Amino acid sequence: GALAALASVGLVRRAGRDLEAGKAQIEARDDTA
């Protein structure tokens, strides 16, 4: 809900679907980036 308020509901839903479908990958992640 907070992410949708910052962007849009549709964008948040698409991002979730893309992650589930493997269309987006988190390549690197740590405490700062």
PDB file of all heavy atoms in Angstrom:
ATOM      1  N   GLY A   1       0.819  -1.213   0.000  1.00  0.00           N
ATOM      2  CA  GLY A   1       0.000   0.000   0.000  1.00  0.00           C
ATOM      3  C   GLY A   1       0.850   1.259   0.000  1.00  0.00           C
ATOM      4  O   GLY A   1       0.558   2.221  -0.721  1.00  0.00           O
ATOM      5  N   ALA A   2       1.909   1.250   0.798  1.00  0.00           N
ATOM      6  CA  ALA A   2       2.807   2.415   0.847  1.00  0.00           C
ATOM      7  C   ALA A   2       3.532   2.587  -0.480  1.00  0.00           C
ATOM      8  O   ALA A   2       3.677   3.708  -0.973  1.00  0.00           O
ATOM      9  CB  ALA A   2       3.802   2.264   1.990  1.00  0.00           C
ATOM     10  N   LEU A   3       3.989   1.480  -1.066  1.00  0.00           N
ATOM     11  CA  LEU A   3       4.658   1.572  -2.364  1.00  0.00           C
ATOM     12  C   LEU A   3       3.701   2.076  -3.433  1.00  0.00           C
ATOM     13  O   LEU A   3       4.068   2.887  -4.283  1.00  0.00           O
ATOM     14  CB  LEU A   3       5.244   0.215  -2.759  1.00  0.00           C
ATOM     15  CG  LEU A   3       6.399  -0.278  -1.900  1.00  0.00           C
ATOM     16  CD1 LEU A   3       6.770  -1.711  -2.286  1.00  0.00           C
ATOM     17  CD2 LEU A   3       7.600   0.647  -2.004  1.00  0.00           C
ATOM     18  N   ALA A   4       2.449   1.620  -3.397  1.00  0.00           N
ATOM     19  CA  ALA A   4       1.453   2.077  -4.365  1.00  0.00           C
ATOM     20  C   ALA A   4       1.188   3.567  -4.209  1.00  0.00           C
ATOM     21  O   ALA A   4       0.979   4.276  -5.195  1.00  0.00           O
ATOM     22  CB  ALA A   4       0.163   1.280  -4.210  1.00  0.00           C
ATOM     23  N   ALA A   5       1.208   4.067  -2.976  1.00  0.00           N
ATOM     24  CA  ALA A   5       1.004   5.493  -2.748  1.00  0.00           C
ATOM     25  C   ALA A   5       2.175   6.301  -3.303  1.00  0.00           C
ATOM     26  O   ALA A   5       1.991   7.428  -3.771  1.00  0.00           O
ATOM     27  CB  ALA A   5       0.827   5.778  -1.259  1.00  0.00           C
ATOM     28  N   LEU A   6       3.378   5.732  -3.263  1.00  0.00           N
ATOM     29  CA  LEU A   6       4.554   6.419  -3.787  1.00  0.00           C
ATOM     30  C   LEU A   6       4.632   6.346  -5.308  1.00  0.00           C
ATOM     31  O   LEU A   6       5.199   7.230  -5.946  1.00  0.00           O
ATOM     32  CB  LEU A   6       5.832   5.815  -3.189  1.00  0.00           C
ATOM     33  CG  LEU A   6       6.045   6.057  -1.700  1.00  0.00           C
ATOM     34  CD1 LEU A   6       7.192   5.188  -1.192  1.00  0.00           C
ATOM     35  CD2 LEU A   6       6.325   7.527  -1.442  1.00  0.00           C
ATOM     36  N   ALA A   7       4.100   5.284  -5.894  1.00  0.00           N
ATOM     37  CA  ALA A   7       4.177   5.096  -7.346  1.00  0.00           C
ATOM     38  C   ALA A   7       2.757   4.976  -7.887  1.00  0.00           C
ATOM     39  O   ALA A   7       2.103   5.969  -8.134  1.00  0.00           O
ATOM     40  CB  ALA A   7       5.005   3.866  -7.668  1.00  0.00           C
ATOM     41  N   SER A   8       2.296   3.758  -8.060  1.00  0.00           N
ATOM     42  CA  SER A   8       0.915   3.495  -8.461  1.00  0.00           C
ATOM     43  C   SER A   8       0.618   2.029  -8.186  1.00  0.00           C
ATOM     44  O   SER A   8       1.533   1.196  -8.158  1.00  0.00           O
ATOM     45  CB  SER A   8       0.676   3.808  -9.935  1.00  0.00           C
ATOM     46  OG  SER A   8       1.280   2.823 -10.755  1.00  0.00           O
ATOM     47  N   VAL A   9      -0.651   1.718  -7.993  1.00  0.00           N
ATOM     48  CA  VAL A   9      -1.055   0.343  -7.727  1.00  0.00           C
ATOM     49  C   VAL A   9      -0.638  -0.552  -8.890  1.00  0.00           C
ATOM     50  O   VAL A   9      -0.099  -1.639  -8.703  1.00  0.00           O
ATOM     51  CB  VAL A   9      -2.571   0.251  -7.473  1.00  0.00           C
ATOM     52  CG1 VAL A   9      -3.024  -1.200  -7.381  1.00  0.00           C
ATOM     53  CG2 VAL A   9      -2.943   1.001  -6.212  1.00  0.00           C
ATOM     54  N   GLY A  10      -0.869  -0.088 -10.109  1.00  0.00           N
ATOM     55  CA  GLY A  10      -0.530  -0.873 -11.294  1.00  0.00           C
ATOM     56  C   GLY A  10       0.949  -1.166 -11.396  1.00  0.00           C
ATOM     57  O   GLY A  10       1.353  -2.280 -11.758  1.00  0.00           O
ATOM     58  N   LEU A  11       1.777  -0.199 -11.075  1.00  0.00           N
ATOM     59  CA  LEU A  11       3.221  -0.391 -11.131  1.00  0.00           C
ATOM     60  C   LEU A  11       3.680  -1.427 -10.107  1.00  0.00           C
ATOM     61  O   LEU A  11       4.488  -2.303 -10.412  1.00  0.00           O
ATOM     62  CB  LEU A  11       3.937   0.941 -10.897  1.00  0.00           C
ATOM     63  CG  LEU A  11       5.447   0.919 -10.997  1.00  0.00           C
ATOM     64  CD1 LEU A  11       5.899   0.544 -12.401  1.00  0.00           C
ATOM     65  CD2 LEU A  11       5.999   2.277 -10.610  1.00  0.00           C
ATOM     66  N   VAL A  12       3.123  -1.361  -8.905  1.00  0.00           N
ATOM     67  CA  VAL A  12       3.481  -2.321  -7.858  1.00  0.00           C
ATOM     68  C   VAL A  12       3.028  -3.725  -8.252  1.00  0.00           C
ATOM     69  O   VAL A  12       3.767  -4.699  -8.102  1.00  0.00           O
ATOM     70  CB  VAL A  12       2.892  -1.904  -6.495  1.00  0.00           C
ATOM     71  CG1 VAL A  12       3.105  -2.982  -5.440  1.00  0.00           C
ATOM     72  CG2 VAL A  12       3.505  -0.580  -6.040  1.00  0.00           C
ATOM     73  N   ARG A  13       1.826  -3.848  -8.801  1.00  0.00           N
ATOM     74  CA  ARG A  13       1.334  -5.163  -9.237  1.00  0.00           C
ATOM     75  C   ARG A  13       2.199  -5.734 -10.353  1.00  0.00           C
ATOM     76  O   ARG A  13       2.545  -6.909 -10.354  1.00  0.00           O
ATOM     77  CB  ARG A  13      -0.114  -5.056  -9.695  1.00  0.00           C
ATOM     78  CG  ARG A  13      -1.074  -4.881  -8.563  1.00  0.00           C
ATOM     79  CD  ARG A  13      -2.495  -4.835  -9.061  1.00  0.00           C
ATOM     80  NE  ARG A  13      -3.391  -4.587  -7.954  1.00  0.00           N
ATOM     81  CZ  ARG A  13      -4.575  -4.030  -8.066  1.00  0.00           C
ATOM     82  NH1 ARG A  13      -5.027  -3.662  -9.251  1.00  0.00           N
ATOM     83  NH2 ARG A  13      -5.323  -3.839  -7.007  1.00  0.00           N
ATOM     84  N   ARG A  14       2.544  -4.883 -11.338  1.00  0.00           N
ATOM     85  CA  ARG A  14       3.377  -5.354 -12.445  1.00  0.00           C
ATOM     86  C   ARG A  14       4.740  -5.798 -11.934  1.00  0.00           C
ATOM     87  O   ARG A  14       5.273  -6.825 -12.360  1.00  0.00           O
ATOM     88  CB  ARG A  14       3.550  -4.266 -13.489  1.00  0.00           C
ATOM     89  CG  ARG A  14       4.437  -4.730 -14.617  1.00  0.00           C
ATOM     90  CD  ARG A  14       4.628  -3.715 -15.689  1.00  0.00           C
ATOM     91  NE  ARG A  14       5.633  -4.215 -16.611  1.00  0.00           N
ATOM     92  CZ  ARG A  14       6.294  -3.462 -17.445  1.00  0.00           C
ATOM     93  NH1 ARG A  14       6.057  -2.177 -17.509  1.00  0.00           N
ATOM     94  NH2 ARG A  14       7.183  -3.977 -18.248  1.00  0.00           N
ATOM     95  N   ALA A  15       5.326  -5.046 -11.026  1.00  0.00           N
ATOM     96  CA  ALA A  15       6.632  -5.408 -10.472  1.00  0.00           C
ATOM     97  C   ALA A  15       6.561  -6.771  -9.791  1.00  0.00           C
ATOM     98  O   ALA A  15       7.452  -7.604  -9.967  1.00  0.00           O
ATOM     99  CB  ALA A  15       7.100  -4.343  -9.492  1.00  0.00           C
ATOM    100  N   GLY A  16       5.504  -7.014  -9.037  1.00  0.00           N
ATOM    101  CA  GLY A  16       5.326  -8.310  -8.379  1.00  0.00           C
ATOM    102  C   GLY A  16       5.199  -9.438  -9.384  1.00  0.00           C
ATOM    103  O   GLY A  16       5.820 -10.501  -9.231  1.00  0.00           O
ATOM    104  N   ARG A  17       4.402  -9.218 -10.435  1.00  0.00           N
ATOM    105  CA  ARG A  17       4.244 -10.243 -11.473  1.00  0.00           C
ATOM    106  C   ARG A  17       5.561 -10.496 -12.205  1.00  0.00           C
ATOM    107  O   ARG A  17       5.901 -11.634 -12.509  1.00  0.00           O
ATOM    108  CB  ARG A  17       3.156  -9.833 -12.470  1.00  0.00           C
ATOM    109  CG  ARG A  17       1.751  -9.958 -11.932  1.00  0.00           C
ATOM    110  CD  ARG A  17       0.698  -9.840 -13.025  1.00  0.00           C
ATOM    111  NE  ARG A  17       0.845  -8.648 -13.848  1.00  0.00           N
ATOM    112  CZ  ARG A  17       0.237  -7.484 -13.635  1.00  0.00           C
ATOM    113  NH1 ARG A  17      -0.580  -7.351 -12.619  1.00  0.00           N
ATOM    114  NH2 ARG A  17       0.417  -6.469 -14.452  1.00  0.00           N
ATOM    115  N   ASP A  18       6.295  -9.420 -12.501  1.00  0.00           N
ATOM    116  CA  ASP A  18       7.572  -9.573 -13.194  1.00  0.00           C
ATOM    117  C   ASP A  18       8.570 -10.362 -12.357  1.00  0.00           C
ATOM    118  O   ASP A  18       9.299 -11.205 -12.879  1.00  0.00           O
ATOM    119  CB  ASP A  18       8.161  -8.206 -13.558  1.00  0.00           C
ATOM    120  CG  ASP A  18       7.459  -7.555 -14.745  1.00  0.00           C
ATOM    121  OD1 ASP A  18       6.578  -8.200 -15.361  1.00  0.00           O
ATOM    122  OD2 ASP A  18       7.792  -6.387 -15.051  1.00  0.00           O
ATOM    123  N   LEU A  19       8.611 -10.109 -11.048  1.00  0.00           N
ATOM    124  CA  LEU A  19       9.505 -10.876 -10.176  1.00  0.00           C
ATOM    125  C   LEU A  19       9.116 -12.341 -10.166  1.00  0.00           C
ATOM    126  O   LEU A  19       9.967 -13.221 -10.287  1.00  0.00           O
ATOM    127  CB  LEU A  19       9.484 -10.313  -8.754  1.00  0.00           C
ATOM    128  CG  LEU A  19      10.376  -9.113  -8.495  1.00  0.00           C
ATOM    129  CD1 LEU A  19      10.100  -8.531  -7.115  1.00  0.00           C
ATOM    130  CD2 LEU A  19      11.840  -9.479  -8.639  1.00  0.00           C
ATOM    131  N   GLU A  20       7.814 -12.616 -10.025  1.00  0.00           N
ATOM    132  CA  GLU A  20       7.338 -13.999  -9.994  1.00  0.00           C
ATOM    133  C   GLU A  20       7.619 -14.727 -11.301  1.00  0.00           C
ATOM    134  O   GLU A  20       7.920 -15.921 -11.304  1.00  0.00           O
ATOM    135  CB  GLU A  20       5.844 -14.041  -9.689  1.00  0.00           C
ATOM    136  CG  GLU A  20       5.502 -13.686  -8.264  1.00  0.00           C
ATOM    137  CD  GLU A  20       4.005 -13.623  -8.016  1.00  0.00           C
ATOM    138  OE1 GLU A  20       3.219 -13.955  -8.922  1.00  0.00           O
ATOM    139  OE2 GLU A  20       3.629 -13.228  -6.902  1.00  0.00           O
ATOM    140  N   ALA A  21       7.530 -14.011 -12.425  1.00  0.00           N
ATOM    141  CA  ALA A  21       7.739 -14.621 -13.738  1.00  0.00           C
ATOM    142  C   ALA A  21       9.211 -14.691 -14.124  1.00  0.00           C
ATOM    143  O   ALA A  21       9.548 -15.193 -15.191  1.00  0.00           O
ATOM    144  CB  ALA A  21       6.966 -13.827 -14.798  1.00  0.00           C
ATOM    145  N   GLY A  22      10.084 -14.182 -13.275  1.00  0.00           N
ATOM    146  CA  GLY A  22      11.508 -14.215 -13.575  1.00  0.00           C
ATOM    147  C   GLY A  22      11.954 -13.143 -14.550  1.00  0.00           C
ATOM    148  O   GLY A  22      13.052 -13.204 -15.088  1.00  0.00           O
ATOM    149  N   LYS A  23      11.097 -12.145 -14.815  1.00  0.00           N
ATOM    150  CA  LYS A  23      11.446 -11.071 -15.742  1.00  0.00           C
ATOM    151  C   LYS A  23      12.331 -10.014 -15.091  1.00  0.00           C
ATOM    152  O   LYS A  23      12.903  -9.182 -15.782  1.00  0.00           O
ATOM    153  CB  LYS A  23      10.186 -10.393 -16.276  1.00  0.00           C
ATOM    154  CG  LYS A  23       9.332 -11.288 -17.139  1.00  0.00           C
ATOM    155  CD  LYS A  23       8.117 -10.548 -17.626  1.00  0.00           C
ATOM    156  CE  LYS A  23       7.225 -11.424 -18.482  1.00  0.00           C
ATOM    157  NZ  LYS A  23       6.035 -10.691 -18.918  1.00  0.00           N
ATOM    158  N   ALA A  24      12.425 -10.038 -13.787  1.00  0.00           N
ATOM    159  CA  ALA A  24      13.274  -9.099 -13.054  1.00  0.00           C
ATOM    160  C   ALA A  24      14.071  -9.902 -12.035  1.00  0.00           C
ATOM    161  O   ALA A  24      13.544 -10.826 -11.424  1.00  0.00           O
ATOM    162  CB  ALA A  24      12.433  -8.041 -12.355  1.00  0.00           C
ATOM    163  N   GLN A  25      15.332  -9.567 -11.905  1.00  0.00           N
ATOM    164  CA  GLN A  25      16.183 -10.268 -10.961  1.00  0.00           C
ATOM    165  C   GLN A  25      16.908  -9.256 -10.085  1.00  0.00           C
ATOM    166  O   GLN A  25      17.350  -8.211 -10.570  1.00  0.00           O
ATOM    167  CB  GLN A  25      17.245 -11.118 -11.679  1.00  0.00           C
ATOM    168  CG  GLN A  25      16.703 -12.242 -12.516  1.00  0.00           C
ATOM    169  CD  GLN A  25      16.272 -11.788 -13.899  1.00  0.00           C
ATOM    170  OE1 GLN A  25      16.862 -10.898 -14.467  1.00  0.00           O
ATOM    171  NE2 GLN A  25      15.228 -12.395 -14.413  1.00  0.00           N
ATOM    172  N   ILE A  26      17.033  -9.591  -8.811  1.00  0.00           N
ATOM    173  CA  ILE A  26      17.844  -8.788  -7.912  1.00  0.00           C
ATOM    174  C   ILE A  26      19.262  -9.311  -8.054  1.00  0.00           C
ATOM    175  O   ILE A  26      19.554 -10.446  -7.693  1.00  0.00           O
ATOM    176  CB  ILE A  26      17.340  -8.893  -6.460  1.00  0.00           C
ATOM    177  CG1 ILE A  26      15.899  -8.372  -6.377  1.00  0.00           C
ATOM    178  CG2 ILE A  26      18.261  -8.115  -5.520  1.00  0.00           C
ATOM    179  CD1 ILE A  26      15.217  -8.618  -5.055  1.00  0.00           C
ATOM    180  N   GLU A  27      20.132  -8.505  -8.643  1.00  0.00           N
ATOM    181  CA  GLU A  27      21.502  -8.923  -8.947  1.00  0.00           C
ATOM    182  C   GLU A  27      22.433  -8.791  -7.754  1.00  0.00           C
ATOM    183  O   GLU A  27      23.339  -9.586  -7.585  1.00  0.00           O
ATOM    184  CB  GLU A  27      22.052  -8.103 -10.118  1.00  0.00           C
ATOM    185  CG  GLU A  27      21.317  -8.349 -11.416  1.00  0.00           C
ATOM    186  CD  GLU A  27      21.611  -9.717 -12.004  1.00  0.00           C
ATOM    187  OE1 GLU A  27      22.781 -10.100 -12.048  1.00  0.00           O
ATOM    188  OE2 GLU A  27      20.653 -10.393 -12.414  1.00  0.00           O
ATOM    189  N   ALA A  28      22.253  -7.747  -6.972  1.00  0.00           N
ATOM    190  CA  ALA A  28      23.121  -7.519  -5.820  1.00  0.00           C
ATOM    191  C   ALA A  28      22.313  -6.781  -4.769  1.00  0.00           C
ATOM    192  O   ALA A  28      21.428  -5.993  -5.085  1.00  0.00           O
ATOM    193  CB  ALA A  28      24.339  -6.688  -6.215  1.00  0.00           C
ATOM    194  N   ARG A  29      22.638  -7.077  -3.499  1.00  0.00           N
ATOM    195  CA  ARG A  29      21.905  -6.421  -2.420  1.00  0.00           C
ATOM    196  C   ARG A  29      22.758  -6.463  -1.167  1.00  0.00           C
ATOM    197  O   ARG A  29      23.363  -7.468  -0.852  1.00  0.00           O
ATOM    198  CB  ARG A  29      20.580  -7.135  -2.230  1.00  0.00           C
ATOM    199  CG  ARG A  29      19.879  -6.861  -0.963  1.00  0.00           C
ATOM    200  CD  ARG A  29      18.551  -7.566  -0.839  1.00  0.00           C
ATOM    201  NE  ARG A  29      18.544  -8.917  -1.356  1.00  0.00           N
ATOM    202  CZ  ARG A  29      17.461  -9.652  -1.447  1.00  0.00           C
ATOM    203  NH1 ARG A  29      16.312  -9.184  -1.058  1.00  0.00           N
ATOM    204  NH2 ARG A  29      17.503 -10.871  -1.913  1.00  0.00           N
ATOM    205  N   ASP A  30      22.813  -5.323  -0.483  1.00  0.00           N
ATOM    206  CA  ASP A  30      23.453  -5.267   0.826  1.00  0.00           C
ATOM    207  C   ASP A  30      22.711  -4.208   1.644  1.00  0.00           C
ATOM    208  O   ASP A  30      21.630  -3.783   1.264  1.00  0.00           O
ATOM    209  CB  ASP A  30      24.959  -5.000   0.732  1.00  0.00           C
ATOM    210  CG  ASP A  30      25.302  -3.675   0.088  1.00  0.00           C
ATOM    211  OD1 ASP A  30      24.488  -2.727   0.140  1.00  0.00           O
ATOM    212  OD2 ASP A  30      26.404  -3.562  -0.462  1.00  0.00           O
ATOM    213  N   ASP A  31      23.271  -3.791   2.744  1.00  0.00           N
ATOM    214  CA  ASP A  31      22.583  -2.829   3.614  1.00  0.00           C
ATOM    215  C   ASP A  31      22.474  -1.433   3.019  1.00  0.00           C
ATOM    216  O   ASP A  31      21.702  -0.610   3.494  1.00  0.00           O
ATOM    217  CB  ASP A  31      23.287  -2.724   4.971  1.00  0.00           C
ATOM    218  CG  ASP A  31      22.945  -3.895   5.876  1.00  0.00           C
ATOM    219  OD1 ASP A  31      21.989  -4.640   5.561  1.00  0.00           O
ATOM    220  OD2 ASP A  31      23.627  -4.067   6.898  1.00  0.00           O
ATOM    221  N   THR A  32      23.251  -1.142   1.982  1.00  0.00           N
ATOM    222  CA  THR A  32      23.264   0.224   1.466  1.00  0.00           C
ATOM    223  C   THR A  32      22.727   0.362   0.055  1.00  0.00           C
ATOM    224  O   THR A  32      22.410   1.469  -0.370  1.00  0.00           O
ATOM    225  CB  THR A  32      24.692   0.802   1.491  1.00  0.00           C
ATOM    226  OG1 THR A  32      25.533  -0.022   0.679  1.00  0.00           O
ATOM    227  CG2 THR A  32      25.231   0.859   2.906  1.00  0.00           C
ATOM    228  N   ALA A  33      22.626  -0.716  -0.699  1.00  0.00           N
ATOM    229  CA  ALA A  33      22.183  -0.600  -2.087  1.00  0.00           C
ATOM    230  C   ALA A  33      21.655  -1.927  -2.613  1.00  0.00           C
ATOM    231  O   ALA A  33      21.932  -2.988  -2.058  1.00  0.00           O
ATOM    232  CB  ALA A  33      23.327  -0.130  -2.974  1.00  0.00           C
TER     233      ALA A  33
END
